[in-house]
PDB file of N, CA and C in Angstrom:
ATOM      1  N   UNK A   1       7.799  -5.542 -14.115  1.00  0.00           N
ATOM      2  CA  UNK A   1       8.027  -4.518 -13.130  1.00  0.00           C
ATOM      3  C   UNK A   1       9.516  -4.212 -13.106  1.00  0.00           C
ATOM      4  N   UNK A   2       9.822  -2.995 -12.752  1.00  0.00           N
ATOM      5  CA  UNK A   2      11.214  -2.584 -12.676  1.00  0.00           C
ATOM      6  C   UNK A   2      11.441  -1.807 -11.396  1.00  0.00           C
ATOM      7  N   UNK A   3      12.699  -1.629 -11.052  1.00  0.00           N
ATOM      8  CA  UNK A   3      13.034  -0.877  -9.854  1.00  0.00           C
ATOM      9  C   UNK A   3      12.653   0.586 -10.004  1.00  0.00           C
ATOM     10  N   UNK A   4      12.361   1.231  -8.881  1.00  0.00           N
ATOM     11  CA  UNK A   4      11.968   2.643  -8.899  1.00  0.00           C
ATOM     12  C   UNK A   4      13.179   3.567  -8.951  1.00  0.00           C
ATOM     13  N   UNK A   5      14.371   3.029  -8.728  1.00  0.00           N
ATOM     14  CA  UNK A   5      15.621   3.788  -8.755  1.00  0.00           C
ATOM     15  C   UNK A   5      15.533   5.002  -7.841  1.00  0.00           C
ATOM     16  N   UNK A   6      15.764   6.188  -8.338  1.00  0.00           N
ATOM     17  CA  UNK A   6      15.768   7.392  -7.508  1.00  0.00           C
ATOM     18  C   UNK A   6      14.441   8.133  -7.528  1.00  0.00           C
ATOM     19  N   UNK A   7      13.365   7.490  -7.943  1.00  0.00           N
ATOM     20  CA  UNK A   7      12.076   8.162  -8.046  1.00  0.00           C
ATOM     21  C   UNK A   7      11.620   8.692  -6.690  1.00  0.00           C
ATOM     22  N   UNK A   8      11.675   7.854  -5.696  1.00  0.00           N
ATOM     23  CA  UNK A   8      11.256   8.254  -4.362  1.00  0.00           C
ATOM     24  C   UNK A   8      11.605   7.101  -3.434  1.00  0.00           C
ATOM     25  N   UNK A   9      12.067   7.395  -2.263  1.00  0.00           N
ATOM     26  CA  UNK A   9      12.441   6.332  -1.323  1.00  0.00           C
ATOM     27  C   UNK A   9      11.269   5.460  -0.912  1.00  0.00           C
ATOM     28  N   UNK A  10      10.041   5.965  -1.042  1.00  0.00           N
ATOM     29  CA  UNK A  10       8.867   5.200  -0.635  1.00  0.00           C
ATOM     30  C   UNK A  10       8.521   4.094  -1.632  1.00  0.00           C
ATOM     31  N   UNK A  11       8.902   4.283  -2.886  1.00  0.00           N
ATOM     32  CA  UNK A  11       8.532   3.338  -3.935  1.00  0.00           C
ATOM     33  C   UNK A  11       9.649   2.336  -4.166  1.00  0.00           C
ATOM     34  N   UNK A  12       9.264   1.070  -4.232  1.00  0.00           N
ATOM     35  CA  UNK A  12      10.251   0.023  -4.459  1.00  0.00           C
ATOM     36  C   UNK A  12      10.231  -0.497  -5.887  1.00  0.00           C
ATOM     37  N   UNK A  13       9.037  -0.508  -6.483  1.00  0.00           N
ATOM     38  CA  UNK A  13       8.892  -1.060  -7.828  1.00  0.00           C
ATOM     39  C   UNK A  13       7.935  -0.189  -8.630  1.00  0.00           C
ATOM     40  N   UNK A  14       8.111  -0.201  -9.928  1.00  0.00           N
ATOM     41  CA  UNK A  14       7.218   0.485 -10.858  1.00  0.00           C
ATOM     42  C   UNK A  14       6.662  -0.568 -11.817  1.00  0.00           C
ATOM     43  N   UNK A  15       5.357  -0.624 -11.938  1.00  0.00           N
ATOM     44  CA  UNK A  15       4.715  -1.536 -12.889  1.00  0.00           C
ATOM     45  C   UNK A  15       4.401  -0.734 -14.149  1.00  0.00           C
ATOM     46  N   UNK A  16       4.752  -1.267 -15.274  1.00  0.00           N
ATOM     47  CA  UNK A  16       4.490  -0.604 -16.545  1.00  0.00           C
ATOM     48  C   UNK A  16       3.268  -1.258 -17.184  1.00  0.00           C
ATOM     49  N   UNK A  17       2.155  -0.563 -17.138  1.00  0.00           N
ATOM     50  CA  UNK A  17       0.907  -1.068 -17.699  1.00  0.00           C
ATOM     51  C   UNK A  17       0.530  -0.185 -18.877  1.00  0.00           C
ATOM     52  N   UNK A  18       0.423  -0.785 -20.043  1.00  0.00           N
ATOM     53  CA  UNK A  18       0.014  -0.034 -21.228  1.00  0.00           C
ATOM     54  C   UNK A  18      -1.461  -0.317 -21.463  1.00  0.00           C
ATOM     55  N   UNK A  19      -2.247   0.721 -21.413  1.00  0.00           N
ATOM     56  CA  UNK A  19      -3.680   0.577 -21.630  1.00  0.00           C
ATOM     57  C   UNK A  19      -4.037   0.839 -23.083  1.00  0.00           C
ATOM     58  N   UNK A  20      -5.286   0.662 -23.413  1.00  0.00           N
ATOM     59  CA  UNK A  20      -5.737   0.843 -24.799  1.00  0.00           C
ATOM     60  C   UNK A  20      -5.918   2.317 -25.165  1.00  0.00           C
ATOM     61  N   UNK A  21      -5.848   2.573 -26.452  1.00  0.00           N
ATOM     62  CA  UNK A  21      -6.206   3.889 -26.993  1.00  0.00           C
ATOM     63  C   UNK A  21      -7.730   3.918 -27.066  1.00  0.00           C
ATOM     64  N   UNK A  22      -8.340   4.965 -26.531  1.00  0.00           N
ATOM     65  CA  UNK A  22      -9.793   5.071 -26.495  1.00  0.00           C
ATOM     66  C   UNK A  22     -10.365   5.204 -27.897  1.00  0.00           C
ATOM     67  N   UNK A  23     -11.405   4.421 -28.162  1.00  0.00           N
ATOM     68  CA  UNK A  23     -12.136   4.485 -29.419  1.00  0.00           C
ATOM     69  C   UNK A  23     -13.619   4.364 -29.059  1.00  0.00           C
ATOM     70  N   UNK A  24     -14.349   5.432 -29.225  1.00  0.00           N
ATOM     71  CA  UNK A  24     -15.771   5.453 -28.843  1.00  0.00           C
ATOM     72  C   UNK A  24     -16.564   4.333 -29.518  1.00  0.00           C
ATOM     73  N   UNK A  25     -16.242   4.043 -30.774  1.00  0.00           N
ATOM     74  CA  UNK A  25     -16.972   3.007 -31.513  1.00  0.00           C
ATOM     75  C   UNK A  25     -16.678   1.603 -30.985  1.00  0.00           C
ATOM     76  N   UNK A  26     -15.536   1.444 -30.327  1.00  0.00           N
ATOM     77  CA  UNK A  26     -15.165   0.154 -29.754  1.00  0.00           C
ATOM     78  C   UNK A  26     -14.989   0.286 -28.245  1.00  0.00           C
ATOM     79  N   UNK A  27     -15.874   1.043 -27.616  1.00  0.00           N
ATOM     80  CA  UNK A  27     -15.732   1.360 -26.198  1.00  0.00           C
ATOM     81  C   UNK A  27     -15.730   0.110 -25.315  1.00  0.00           C
ATOM     82  N   UNK A  28     -16.589  -0.855 -25.599  1.00  0.00           N
ATOM     83  CA  UNK A  28     -16.639  -2.066 -24.772  1.00  0.00           C
ATOM     84  C   UNK A  28     -15.340  -2.859 -24.870  1.00  0.00           C
ATOM     85  N   UNK A  29     -14.764  -2.902 -26.060  1.00  0.00           N
ATOM     86  CA  UNK A  29     -13.475  -3.577 -26.248  1.00  0.00           C
ATOM     87  C   UNK A  29     -12.383  -2.853 -25.463  1.00  0.00           C
ATOM     88  N   UNK A  30     -12.392  -1.529 -25.492  1.00  0.00           N
ATOM     89  CA  UNK A  30     -11.413  -0.727 -24.752  1.00  0.00           C
ATOM     90  C   UNK A  30     -11.553  -0.953 -23.252  1.00  0.00           C
ATOM     91  N   UNK A  31     -12.769  -0.958 -22.774  1.00  0.00           N
ATOM     92  CA  UNK A  31     -13.034  -1.153 -21.350  1.00  0.00           C
ATOM     93  C   UNK A  31     -12.562  -2.539 -20.903  1.00  0.00           C
ATOM     94  N   UNK A  32     -12.867  -3.559 -21.675  1.00  0.00           N
ATOM     95  CA  UNK A  32     -12.423  -4.916 -21.336  1.00  0.00           C
ATOM     96  C   UNK A  32     -10.901  -5.000 -21.306  1.00  0.00           C
ATOM     97  N   UNK A  33     -10.260  -4.358 -22.271  1.00  0.00           N
ATOM     98  CA  UNK A  33      -8.803  -4.369 -22.340  1.00  0.00           C
ATOM     99  C   UNK A  33      -8.184  -3.681 -21.130  1.00  0.00           C
ATOM    100  N   UNK A  34      -8.741  -2.544 -20.738  1.00  0.00           N
ATOM    101  CA  UNK A  34      -8.226  -1.830 -19.577  1.00  0.00           C
ATOM    102  C   UNK A  34      -8.415  -2.658 -18.308  1.00  0.00           C
ATOM    103  N   UNK A  35      -9.590  -3.245 -18.132  1.00  0.00           N
ATOM    104  CA  UNK A  35      -9.841  -4.089 -16.958  1.00  0.00           C
ATOM    105  C   UNK A  35      -8.885  -5.280 -16.920  1.00  0.00           C
ATOM    106  N   UNK A  36      -8.604  -5.849 -18.074  1.00  0.00           N
ATOM    107  CA  UNK A  36      -7.682  -6.986 -18.148  1.00  0.00           C
ATOM    108  C   UNK A  36      -6.273  -6.564 -17.699  1.00  0.00           C
ATOM    109  N   UNK A  37      -5.831  -5.378 -18.147  1.00  0.00           N
ATOM    110  CA  UNK A  37      -4.521  -4.876 -17.743  1.00  0.00           C
ATOM    111  C   UNK A  37      -4.440  -4.628 -16.249  1.00  0.00           C
ATOM    112  N   UNK A  38      -5.488  -4.058 -15.686  1.00  0.00           N
ATOM    113  CA  UNK A  38      -5.522  -3.799 -14.243  1.00  0.00           C
ATOM    114  C   UNK A  38      -5.538  -5.120 -13.477  1.00  0.00           C
ATOM    115  N   UNK A  39      -6.295  -6.082 -13.967  1.00  0.00           N
ATOM    116  CA  UNK A  39      -6.339  -7.397 -13.327  1.00  0.00           C
ATOM    117  C   UNK A  39      -4.955  -8.052 -13.328  1.00  0.00           C
ATOM    118  N   UNK A  40      -4.247  -7.953 -14.439  1.00  0.00           N
ATOM    119  CA  UNK A  40      -2.901  -8.522 -14.505  1.00  0.00           C
ATOM    120  C   UNK A  40      -1.964  -7.815 -13.526  1.00  0.00           C
ATOM    121  N   UNK A  41      -2.116  -6.511 -13.390  1.00  0.00           N
ATOM    122  CA  UNK A  41      -1.336  -5.763 -12.415  1.00  0.00           C
ATOM    123  C   UNK A  41      -1.598  -6.287 -11.006  1.00  0.00           C
ATOM    124  N   UNK A  42      -2.869  -6.480 -10.669  1.00  0.00           N
ATOM    125  CA  UNK A  42      -3.231  -6.971  -9.337  1.00  0.00           C
ATOM    126  C   UNK A  42      -2.699  -8.382  -9.085  1.00  0.00           C
ATOM    127  N   UNK A  43      -2.743  -9.208 -10.101  1.00  0.00           N
ATOM    128  CA  UNK A  43      -2.187 -10.568  -9.974  1.00  0.00           C
ATOM    129  C   UNK A  43      -0.698 -10.491  -9.682  1.00  0.00           C
ATOM    130  N   UNK A  44       0.013  -9.645 -10.421  1.00  0.00           N
ATOM    131  CA  UNK A  44       1.453  -9.510 -10.201  1.00  0.00           C
ATOM    132  C   UNK A  44       1.762  -8.952  -8.816  1.00  0.00           C
ATOM    133  N   UNK A  45       0.944  -8.029  -8.352  1.00  0.00           N
ATOM    134  CA  UNK A  45       1.135  -7.476  -7.010  1.00  0.00           C
ATOM    135  C   UNK A  45       0.953  -8.554  -5.944  1.00  0.00           C
ATOM    136  N   UNK A  46      -0.017  -9.421  -6.158  1.00  0.00           N
ATOM    137  CA  UNK A  46      -0.236 -10.508  -5.209  1.00  0.00           C
ATOM    138  C   UNK A  46       0.939 -11.494  -5.229  1.00  0.00           C
ATOM    139  N   UNK A  47       1.394 -11.829  -6.416  1.00  0.00           N
ATOM    140  CA  UNK A  47       2.541 -12.744  -6.541  1.00  0.00           C
ATOM    141  C   UNK A  47       3.763 -12.178  -5.830  1.00  0.00           C
ATOM    142  N   UNK A  48       3.984 -10.880  -5.990  1.00  0.00           N
ATOM    143  CA  UNK A  48       5.138 -10.220  -5.368  1.00  0.00           C
ATOM    144  C   UNK A  48       4.908  -9.897  -3.894  1.00  0.00           C
ATOM    145  N   UNK A  49       3.681 -10.160  -3.404  1.00  0.00           N
ATOM    146  CA  UNK A  49       3.311  -9.929  -2.006  1.00  0.00           C
ATOM    147  C   UNK A  49       3.422  -8.458  -1.600  1.00  0.00           C
ATOM    148  N   UNK A  50       3.004  -7.568  -2.496  1.00  0.00           N
ATOM    149  CA  UNK A  50       2.998  -6.139  -2.174  1.00  0.00           C
ATOM    150  C   UNK A  50       1.889  -5.842  -1.180  1.00  0.00           C
ATOM    151  N   UNK A  51       2.153  -4.921  -0.293  1.00  0.00           N
ATOM    152  CA  UNK A  51       1.159  -4.537   0.702  1.00  0.00           C
ATOM    153  C   UNK A  51       0.276  -3.413   0.204  1.00  0.00           C
ATOM    154  N   UNK A  52       0.726  -2.662  -0.774  1.00  0.00           N
ATOM    155  CA  UNK A  52      -0.072  -1.568  -1.323  1.00  0.00           C
ATOM    156  C   UNK A  52       0.324  -1.333  -2.777  1.00  0.00           C
ATOM    157  N   UNK A  53      -0.586  -0.674  -3.478  1.00  0.00           N
ATOM    158  CA  UNK A  53      -0.337  -0.345  -4.882  1.00  0.00           C
ATOM    159  C   UNK A  53      -1.090   0.942  -5.206  1.00  0.00           C
ATOM    160  N   UNK A  54      -0.479   1.784  -6.000  1.00  0.00           N
ATOM    161  CA  UNK A  54      -1.143   2.994  -6.495  1.00  0.00           C
ATOM    162  C   UNK A  54      -1.381   2.780  -7.987  1.00  0.00           C
ATOM    163  N   UNK A  55      -2.600   2.991  -8.415  1.00  0.00           N
ATOM    164  CA  UNK A  55      -2.942   2.795  -9.826  1.00  0.00           C
ATOM    165  C   UNK A  55      -3.348   4.157 -10.400  1.00  0.00           C
ATOM    166  N   UNK A  56      -2.557   4.684 -11.326  1.00  0.00           N
ATOM    167  CA  UNK A  56      -2.919   5.971 -11.929  1.00  0.00           C
ATOM    168  C   UNK A  56      -4.036   5.788 -12.956  1.00  0.00           C
ATOM    169  N   UNK A  57      -4.484   6.865 -13.511  1.00  0.00           N
ATOM    170  CA  UNK A  57      -5.543   6.828 -14.530  1.00  0.00           C
ATOM    171  C   UNK A  57      -4.945   6.373 -15.865  1.00  0.00           C
ATOM    172  N   UNK A  58      -4.728   5.080 -15.957  1.00  0.00           N
ATOM    173  CA  UNK A  58      -4.106   4.465 -17.132  1.00  0.00           C
ATOM    174  C   UNK A  58      -4.900   4.814 -18.390  1.00  0.00           C
ATOM    175  N   UNK A  59      -4.204   5.201 -19.436  1.00  0.00           N
ATOM    176  CA  UNK A  59      -4.766   5.510 -20.764  1.00  0.00           C
ATOM    177  C   UNK A  59      -5.528   6.826 -20.840  1.00  0.00           C
ATOM    178  N   UNK A  60      -5.601   7.572 -19.747  1.00  0.00           N
ATOM    179  CA  UNK A  60      -6.409   8.798 -19.777  1.00  0.00           C
ATOM    180  C   UNK A  60      -5.665  10.013 -20.318  1.00  0.00           C
ATOM    181  N   UNK A  61      -4.382   9.878 -20.560  1.00  0.00           N
ATOM    182  CA  UNK A  61      -3.600  10.991 -21.091  1.00  0.00           C
ATOM    183  C   UNK A  61      -3.690  11.033 -22.609  1.00  0.00           C
ATOM    184  N   UNK A  62      -2.572  10.775 -23.252  1.00  0.00           N
ATOM    185  CA  UNK A  62      -2.529  10.864 -24.719  1.00  0.00           C
ATOM    186  C   UNK A  62      -3.372   9.783 -25.401  1.00  0.00           C
ATOM    187  N   UNK A  63      -3.737   8.729 -24.667  1.00  0.00           N
ATOM    188  CA  UNK A  63      -4.572   7.682 -25.258  1.00  0.00           C
ATOM    189  C   UNK A  63      -6.054   8.048 -25.242  1.00  0.00           C
ATOM    190  N   UNK A  64      -6.408   9.137 -24.568  1.00  0.00           N
ATOM    191  CA  UNK A  64      -7.750   9.697 -24.656  1.00  0.00           C
ATOM    192  C   UNK A  64      -8.878   8.960 -23.950  1.00  0.00           C
ATOM    193  N   UNK A  65      -8.563   8.000 -23.106  1.00  0.00           N
ATOM    194  CA  UNK A  65      -9.607   7.266 -22.381  1.00  0.00           C
ATOM    195  C   UNK A  65     -10.244   8.232 -21.388  1.00  0.00           C
ATOM    196  N   UNK A  66     -11.565   8.396 -21.402  1.00  0.00           N
ATOM    197  CA  UNK A  66     -12.217   9.328 -20.471  1.00  0.00           C
ATOM    198  C   UNK A  66     -11.914   8.972 -19.014  1.00  0.00           C
ATOM    199  N   UNK A  67     -11.510   9.970 -18.250  1.00  0.00           N
ATOM    200  CA  UNK A  67     -11.084   9.739 -16.864  1.00  0.00           C
ATOM    201  C   UNK A  67     -12.157   9.068 -16.013  1.00  0.00           C
ATOM    202  N   UNK A  68     -13.418   9.463 -16.193  1.00  0.00           N
ATOM    203  CA  UNK A  68     -14.467   8.842 -15.379  1.00  0.00           C
ATOM    204  C   UNK A  68     -14.630   7.362 -15.727  1.00  0.00           C
ATOM    205  N   UNK A  69     -14.398   6.997 -16.974  1.00  0.00           N
ATOM    206  CA  UNK A  69     -14.483   5.588 -17.364  1.00  0.00           C
ATOM    207  C   UNK A  69     -13.280   4.815 -16.822  1.00  0.00           C
ATOM    208  N   UNK A  70     -12.101   5.459 -16.824  1.00  0.00           N
ATOM    209  CA  UNK A  70     -10.914   4.817 -16.251  1.00  0.00           C
ATOM    210  C   UNK A  70     -11.139   4.541 -14.766  1.00  0.00           C
ATOM    211  N   UNK A  71     -11.626   5.540 -14.045  1.00  0.00           N
ATOM    212  CA  UNK A  71     -11.872   5.375 -12.605  1.00  0.00           C
ATOM    213  C   UNK A  71     -12.853   4.228 -12.362  1.00  0.00           C
ATOM    214  N   UNK A  72     -13.908   4.177 -13.160  1.00  0.00           N
ATOM    215  CA  UNK A  72     -14.900   3.111 -13.021  1.00  0.00           C
ATOM    216  C   UNK A  72     -14.261   1.745 -13.301  1.00  0.00           C
ATOM    217  N   UNK A  73     -13.449   1.660 -14.340  1.00  0.00           N
ATOM    218  CA  UNK A  73     -12.786   0.399 -14.685  1.00  0.00           C
ATOM    219  C   UNK A  73     -11.863  -0.058 -13.561  1.00  0.00           C
ATOM    220  N   UNK A  74     -11.098   0.883 -12.995  1.00  0.00           N
ATOM    221  CA  UNK A  74     -10.183   0.529 -11.911  1.00  0.00           C
ATOM    222  C   UNK A  74     -10.964  -0.001 -10.718  1.00  0.00           C
ATOM    223  N   UNK A  75     -12.012   0.709 -10.323  1.00  0.00           N
ATOM    224  CA  UNK A  75     -12.798   0.267  -9.178  1.00  0.00           C
ATOM    225  C   UNK A  75     -13.467  -1.078  -9.416  1.00  0.00           C
ATOM    226  N   UNK A  76     -14.016  -1.272 -10.609  1.00  0.00           N
ATOM    227  CA  UNK A  76     -14.687  -2.557 -10.931  1.00  0.00           C
ATOM    228  C   UNK A  76     -13.672  -3.698 -10.948  1.00  0.00           C
ATOM    229  N   UNK A  77     -12.494  -3.446 -11.532  1.00  0.00           N
ATOM    230  CA  UNK A  77     -11.465  -4.491 -11.605  1.00  0.00           C
ATOM    231  C   UNK A  77     -10.997  -4.876 -10.201  1.00  0.00           C
ATOM    232  N   UNK A  78     -10.802  -3.887  -9.337  1.00  0.00           N
ATOM    233  CA  UNK A  78     -10.386  -4.160  -7.966  1.00  0.00           C
ATOM    234  C   UNK A  78     -11.484  -4.927  -7.237  1.00  0.00           C
ATOM    235  N   UNK A  79     -12.729  -4.481  -7.396  1.00  0.00           N
ATOM    236  CA  UNK A  79     -13.853  -5.141  -6.737  1.00  0.00           C
ATOM    237  C   UNK A  79     -13.974  -6.594  -7.172  1.00  0.00           C
ATOM    238  N   UNK A  80     -13.829  -6.848  -8.445  1.00  0.00           N
ATOM    239  CA  UNK A  80     -13.942  -8.233  -8.940  1.00  0.00           C
ATOM    240  C   UNK A  80     -12.749  -9.082  -8.561  1.00  0.00           C
ATOM    241  N   UNK A  81     -11.593  -8.451  -8.421  1.00  0.00           N
ATOM    242  CA  UNK A  81     -10.409  -9.198  -8.052  1.00  0.00           C
ATOM    243  C   UNK A  81     -10.536  -9.715  -6.636  1.00  0.00           C
TER     244      UNK A  81
END
């Protein structure tokens, strides 16, 4: 995690999470990898004692992960955490 600098006064830290590049043939592997990254983010947030966290649609941009699958992964990872 790094400082938010001048991004916005509301944000104190930025977590850099790199998700997988979407591959339809290896979709289950991609999904597991994304969930693992989100889980690690949540663990770090707990360690740092953050009161809130915003999780964007990781990997859904240039990495091509379908947005509905990203949303499902985020919700499942949070629920299991």
